[in-house]
């Protein structure tokens, strides 16, 4: 299972939110580009970059930082946050972004999503962010009546390449992933799924390995707080993993 460090951009800084609350943004790195380089040096195979300003405004705001990250980091980068047109998605791909993540567009403009996936096959992933099972949009500031499970079925029919599922109430809390909700999503999804939100320990990561169809986990606060060390996480669930044997240095599993 792929372990993917997150870099969330707000006002040009790398931050973490608590349950999606912009008012509780905490700066976690002085330079987002240097932080991206650090995760690559630590063995990350992919980065997850979100433009939080763009998610609120409807168009990416931190484009210059995103471009620098893609140009200066030698691993694939997936980018989301305010991408609501084919033109913007194409621009990011032209820069070298491997996966473009759309969320609000998928929930509000399904016809445009279908056109986007047709124009850019295999490159469009859908971020499904749920609050008590219902889809949140526009930087998590709005909660729709649309059930996350219904959106999973919908985007599967519209050509999306994969799904990134986030439980907003778990995000930034270090309280563990919502395994029950993930199992429900995976049971109906025909697409690969990446989990996000609440992962706090190596034990949490190991609990995700048994979920069929789950191909990755995004880590944010757990990495920045030191609750999880990236190298240990990669050894635990990546290729050549420990097979449930604790590390030699006596690290704690939970």
Protein backbone atom coordinates (compact mmCIF):
# COMPACT_ATOMS: atom_id res chain seq x y z
CA UNK A 1 0.00 0.00 0.00
CA UNK A 2 1.36 3.40 -0.96
CA UNK A 3 2.06 5.89 1.84
CA UNK A 4 1.58 9.44 0.56
CA UNK A 5 2.68 12.54 2.51
CA UNK A 6 0.32 15.52 2.27
CA UNK A 7 1.30 19.13 1.71
CA UNK A 8 -1.64 21.50 2.19
CA UNK A 9 -1.07 25.06 0.95
CA UNK A 10 -2.70 28.09 2.55
CA UNK A 11 -1.41 31.62 2.01
CA UNK A 12 1.78 30.24 0.51
CA UNK A 13 2.53 28.15 3.60
CA UNK A 14 2.37 24.43 4.31
CA UNK A 15 -0.32 23.94 6.98
CA UNK A 16 -2.53 21.35 8.62
CA UNK A 17 -6.17 21.88 9.50
CA UNK A 18 -8.28 20.30 12.22
CA UNK A 19 -11.47 18.75 10.81
CA UNK A 20 -11.18 21.05 7.81
CA UNK A 21 -11.43 24.22 9.92
CA UNK A 22 -9.48 27.04 8.24
CA UNK A 23 -9.57 28.92 11.53
CA UNK A 24 -7.41 26.21 13.08
CA UNK A 25 -4.66 26.18 10.46
CA UNK A 26 -1.25 25.29 11.88
CA UNK A 27 1.91 25.98 9.91
CA UNK A 28 3.97 22.80 9.66
CA UNK A 29 6.81 23.83 7.35
CA UNK A 30 8.56 27.10 6.59
CA UNK A 31 9.01 26.28 2.91
CA UNK A 32 6.55 23.94 1.13
CA UNK A 33 9.04 23.16 -1.65
CA UNK A 34 11.78 22.20 0.79
CA UNK A 35 9.27 20.07 2.68
CA UNK A 36 8.33 18.29 -0.54
CA UNK A 37 12.00 17.62 -1.22
CA UNK A 38 12.43 16.28 2.32
CA UNK A 39 9.59 13.76 1.91
CA UNK A 40 11.11 12.59 -1.36
CA UNK A 41 14.50 12.16 0.35
CA UNK A 42 12.81 10.12 3.08
CA UNK A 43 11.58 7.64 0.49
CA UNK A 44 8.11 8.87 -0.45
CA UNK A 45 6.97 7.54 -3.81
CA UNK A 46 4.29 10.20 -4.32
CA UNK A 47 3.13 13.52 -2.86
CA UNK A 48 -0.41 14.77 -2.25
CA UNK A 49 -0.62 18.56 -2.68
CA UNK A 50 -3.80 20.50 -1.96
CA UNK A 51 -4.34 24.21 -2.64
CA UNK A 52 -6.67 25.11 0.26
CA UNK A 53 -7.02 28.69 -0.97
CA UNK A 54 -8.07 27.35 -4.35
CA UNK A 55 -10.60 24.96 -2.81
CA UNK A 56 -12.37 27.96 -1.27
CA UNK A 57 -12.05 30.36 -4.21
CA UNK A 58 -12.78 27.93 -7.05
CA UNK A 59 -9.42 28.24 -8.82
CA UNK A 60 -5.90 27.37 -7.64
CA UNK A 61 -4.12 30.25 -5.90
CA UNK A 62 -0.73 28.74 -5.05
CA UNK A 63 0.17 27.81 -8.61
CA UNK A 64 3.75 29.05 -8.47
CA UNK A 65 4.48 26.83 -5.44
CA UNK A 66 2.81 23.84 -7.09
CA UNK A 67 4.88 24.35 -10.24
CA UNK A 68 8.10 24.54 -8.21
CA UNK A 69 7.26 21.37 -6.29
CA UNK A 70 6.58 19.45 -9.50
CA UNK A 71 9.77 20.76 -11.11
CA UNK A 72 12.06 20.17 -8.13
CA UNK A 73 10.79 16.87 -6.69
CA UNK A 74 11.71 13.64 -8.55
CA UNK A 75 8.56 11.70 -7.65
CA UNK A 76 4.97 11.83 -8.95
CA UNK A 77 2.73 14.56 -7.55
CA UNK A 78 -1.05 14.58 -7.34
CA UNK A 79 -2.73 17.97 -6.96
CA UNK A 80 -6.18 19.12 -5.89
CA UNK A 81 -7.92 22.26 -4.70
CA UNK A 82 -10.13 24.47 -6.85
CA UNK A 83 -9.59 22.65 -10.15
CA UNK A 84 -12.91 23.15 -11.89
CA UNK A 85 -12.11 23.36 -15.60
CA UNK A 86 -10.51 21.18 -18.26
CA UNK A 87 -8.12 24.01 -19.09
CA UNK A 88 -6.76 24.22 -15.55
CA UNK A 89 -6.42 20.45 -15.31
CA UNK A 90 -4.57 20.40 -18.64
CA UNK A 91 -2.22 23.15 -17.45
CA UNK A 92 -1.25 21.17 -14.37
CA UNK A 93 -0.66 18.01 -16.39
CA UNK A 94 1.45 19.99 -18.85
CA UNK A 95 3.58 21.08 -15.88
CA UNK A 96 4.13 17.45 -14.95
CA UNK A 97 1.40 16.78 -12.38
CA UNK A 98 0.59 13.07 -12.63
CA UNK A 99 -2.90 13.07 -11.12
CA UNK A 100 -5.39 15.92 -11.00
CA UNK A 101 -7.90 15.68 -8.14
CA UNK A 102 -11.34 17.23 -8.44
CA UNK A 103 -13.99 17.34 -5.75
CA UNK A 104 -16.56 20.11 -6.00
CA UNK A 105 -16.72 19.70 -9.76
CA UNK A 106 -17.54 16.01 -9.41
CA UNK A 107 -20.43 16.71 -7.05
CA UNK A 108 -21.85 19.79 -8.77
CA UNK A 109 -21.02 19.35 -12.46
CA UNK A 110 -21.06 15.65 -13.36
CA UNK A 111 -21.29 16.42 -17.08
CA UNK A 112 -18.08 18.43 -16.91
CA UNK A 113 -16.39 15.62 -14.99
CA UNK A 114 -17.31 13.18 -17.75
CA UNK A 115 -15.87 15.57 -20.36
CA UNK A 116 -12.71 16.05 -18.31
CA UNK A 117 -12.07 12.31 -17.91
CA UNK A 118 -12.64 11.81 -21.63
CA UNK A 119 -10.18 14.58 -22.51
CA UNK A 120 -7.60 13.49 -19.95
CA UNK A 121 -8.09 9.73 -19.59
CA UNK A 122 -6.48 8.07 -16.59
CA UNK A 123 -5.37 11.38 -15.06
CA UNK A 124 -8.47 12.54 -13.16
CA UNK A 125 -9.07 11.31 -9.61
CA UNK A 126 -12.05 12.37 -7.53
CA UNK A 127 -11.69 13.59 -3.97
CA UNK A 128 -14.78 12.55 -2.02
CA UNK A 129 -14.78 14.39 1.29
CA UNK A 130 -17.56 13.33 3.64
CA UNK A 131 -19.07 14.79 6.77
CA UNK A 132 -21.28 12.21 8.51
CA UNK A 133 -21.61 10.35 5.22
CA UNK A 134 -22.58 13.39 3.12
CA UNK A 135 -20.35 15.04 0.53
CA UNK A 136 -18.74 18.35 1.47
CA UNK A 137 -17.66 20.79 -1.25
CA UNK A 138 -16.02 24.19 -1.76
CA UNK A 139 -13.13 23.64 0.60
CA UNK A 140 -15.34 21.65 2.98
CA UNK A 141 -17.29 24.83 3.74
CA UNK A 142 -20.53 23.44 2.29
CA UNK A 143 -22.19 20.11 3.02
CA UNK A 144 -24.50 18.75 0.33
CA UNK A 145 -27.41 16.30 0.64
CA UNK A 146 -25.46 13.95 -1.66
CA UNK A 147 -24.36 10.73 -0.01
CA UNK A 148 -20.71 9.82 -0.43
CA UNK A 149 -21.72 6.31 -1.50
CA UNK A 150 -23.91 7.71 -4.29
CA UNK A 151 -21.06 9.88 -5.54
CA UNK A 152 -18.76 6.85 -5.55
CA UNK A 153 -21.14 5.07 -7.92
CA UNK A 154 -21.58 8.19 -10.05
CA UNK A 155 -17.90 8.94 -10.66
CA UNK A 156 -17.24 5.30 -11.44
CA UNK A 157 -19.57 5.66 -14.39
CA UNK A 158 -18.01 8.93 -15.52
CA UNK A 159 -14.50 7.70 -16.20
CA UNK A 160 -12.64 8.74 -13.06
CA UNK A 161 -9.33 6.94 -12.57
CA UNK A 162 -9.64 6.62 -8.80
CA UNK A 163 -11.07 8.01 -5.57
CA UNK A 164 -9.49 9.72 -2.58
CA UNK A 165 -11.86 9.34 0.35
CA UNK A 166 -11.57 11.65 3.36
CA UNK A 167 -13.59 11.49 6.55
CA UNK A 168 -13.62 15.17 7.56
CA UNK A 169 -14.39 14.51 11.23
CA UNK A 170 -11.26 12.34 11.46
CA UNK A 171 -9.00 14.66 9.46
CA UNK A 172 -6.24 16.20 11.57
CA UNK A 173 -7.48 14.52 14.75
CA UNK A 174 -5.15 11.49 15.02
CA UNK A 175 -8.12 9.41 16.17
CA UNK A 176 -7.75 6.63 13.61
CA UNK A 177 -9.36 6.05 10.19
CA UNK A 178 -13.09 5.42 9.81
CA UNK A 179 -12.76 1.75 8.89
CA UNK A 180 -16.50 1.15 8.74
CA UNK A 181 -17.05 3.94 6.24
CA UNK A 182 -14.03 2.89 4.20
CA UNK A 183 -15.35 -0.66 3.99
CA UNK A 184 -18.68 0.68 2.74
CA UNK A 185 -16.97 2.79 0.10
CA UNK A 186 -14.73 -0.07 -1.04
CA UNK A 187 -17.66 -2.48 -1.25
CA UNK A 188 -19.31 -0.40 -3.98
CA UNK A 189 -16.33 1.17 -5.73
CA UNK A 190 -15.05 -0.22 -9.01
CA UNK A 191 -12.10 2.17 -8.78
CA UNK A 192 -8.92 2.12 -6.68
CA UNK A 193 -9.34 4.07 -3.44
CA UNK A 194 -6.89 6.05 -1.31
CA UNK A 195 -7.80 6.70 2.33
CA UNK A 196 -7.29 9.98 4.14
CA UNK A 197 -8.15 11.28 7.58
CA UNK A 198 -7.32 10.30 11.14
CA UNK A 199 -4.42 7.89 10.56
CA UNK A 200 -2.29 8.20 13.69
CA UNK A 201 -0.01 5.17 14.05
CA UNK A 202 1.59 2.22 12.35
CA UNK A 203 -1.19 0.12 13.83
CA UNK A 204 -3.71 2.25 11.91
CA UNK A 205 -1.76 1.73 8.70
CA UNK A 206 -1.60 -2.01 9.22
CA UNK A 207 -5.36 -2.09 9.83
CA UNK A 208 -5.86 -0.71 6.32
CA UNK A 209 -3.88 -3.48 4.61
CA UNK A 210 -6.77 -5.93 4.81
CA UNK A 211 -9.17 -3.63 2.95
CA UNK A 212 -9.46 -4.93 -0.61
CA UNK A 213 -9.30 -2.17 -3.20
CA UNK A 214 -7.46 0.29 -0.97
CA UNK A 215 -4.24 1.24 -2.73
CA UNK A 216 -2.88 4.01 -0.55
CA UNK A 217 -3.09 6.16 2.55
CA UNK A 218 -2.46 9.89 2.83
CA UNK A 219 -0.62 11.04 5.95
CA UNK A 220 -0.57 14.61 7.20
CA UNK A 221 -0.63 15.45 10.88
CA UNK A 222 0.75 12.04 11.88
CA UNK A 223 3.95 12.79 9.95
CA UNK A 224 4.28 16.43 10.96
CA UNK A 225 3.68 15.69 14.65
CA UNK A 226 6.15 12.80 14.64
CA UNK A 227 3.49 10.23 15.55
CA UNK A 228 4.60 8.28 12.47
CA UNK A 229 8.04 8.30 10.86
CA UNK A 230 7.76 8.05 7.08
CA UNK A 231 10.60 5.54 6.73
CA UNK A 232 8.98 3.25 9.28
CA UNK A 233 5.59 3.60 7.61
CA UNK A 234 7.11 2.59 4.28
CA UNK A 235 8.78 -0.42 5.88
CA UNK A 236 5.53 -1.39 7.56
CA UNK A 237 3.16 -1.38 4.60
CA UNK A 238 5.21 -0.79 1.46
CA UNK A 239 7.16 -3.27 -0.67
CA UNK A 240 9.32 -5.51 1.51
CA UNK A 241 7.29 -4.57 4.59
CA UNK A 242 7.93 -6.00 8.04
CA UNK A 243 5.17 -8.60 7.75
CA UNK A 244 3.98 -7.46 11.18
CA UNK A 245 7.41 -7.78 12.86
CA UNK A 246 8.29 -4.70 14.98
CA UNK A 247 11.29 -2.59 13.91
CA UNK A 248 14.70 -3.20 15.42
CA UNK A 249 14.88 0.27 17.02
CA UNK A 250 12.00 -0.41 19.38
CA UNK A 251 9.60 2.13 17.86
CA UNK A 252 6.09 2.11 19.24
CA UNK A 253 3.30 0.73 17.07
CA UNK A 254 0.57 2.92 18.51
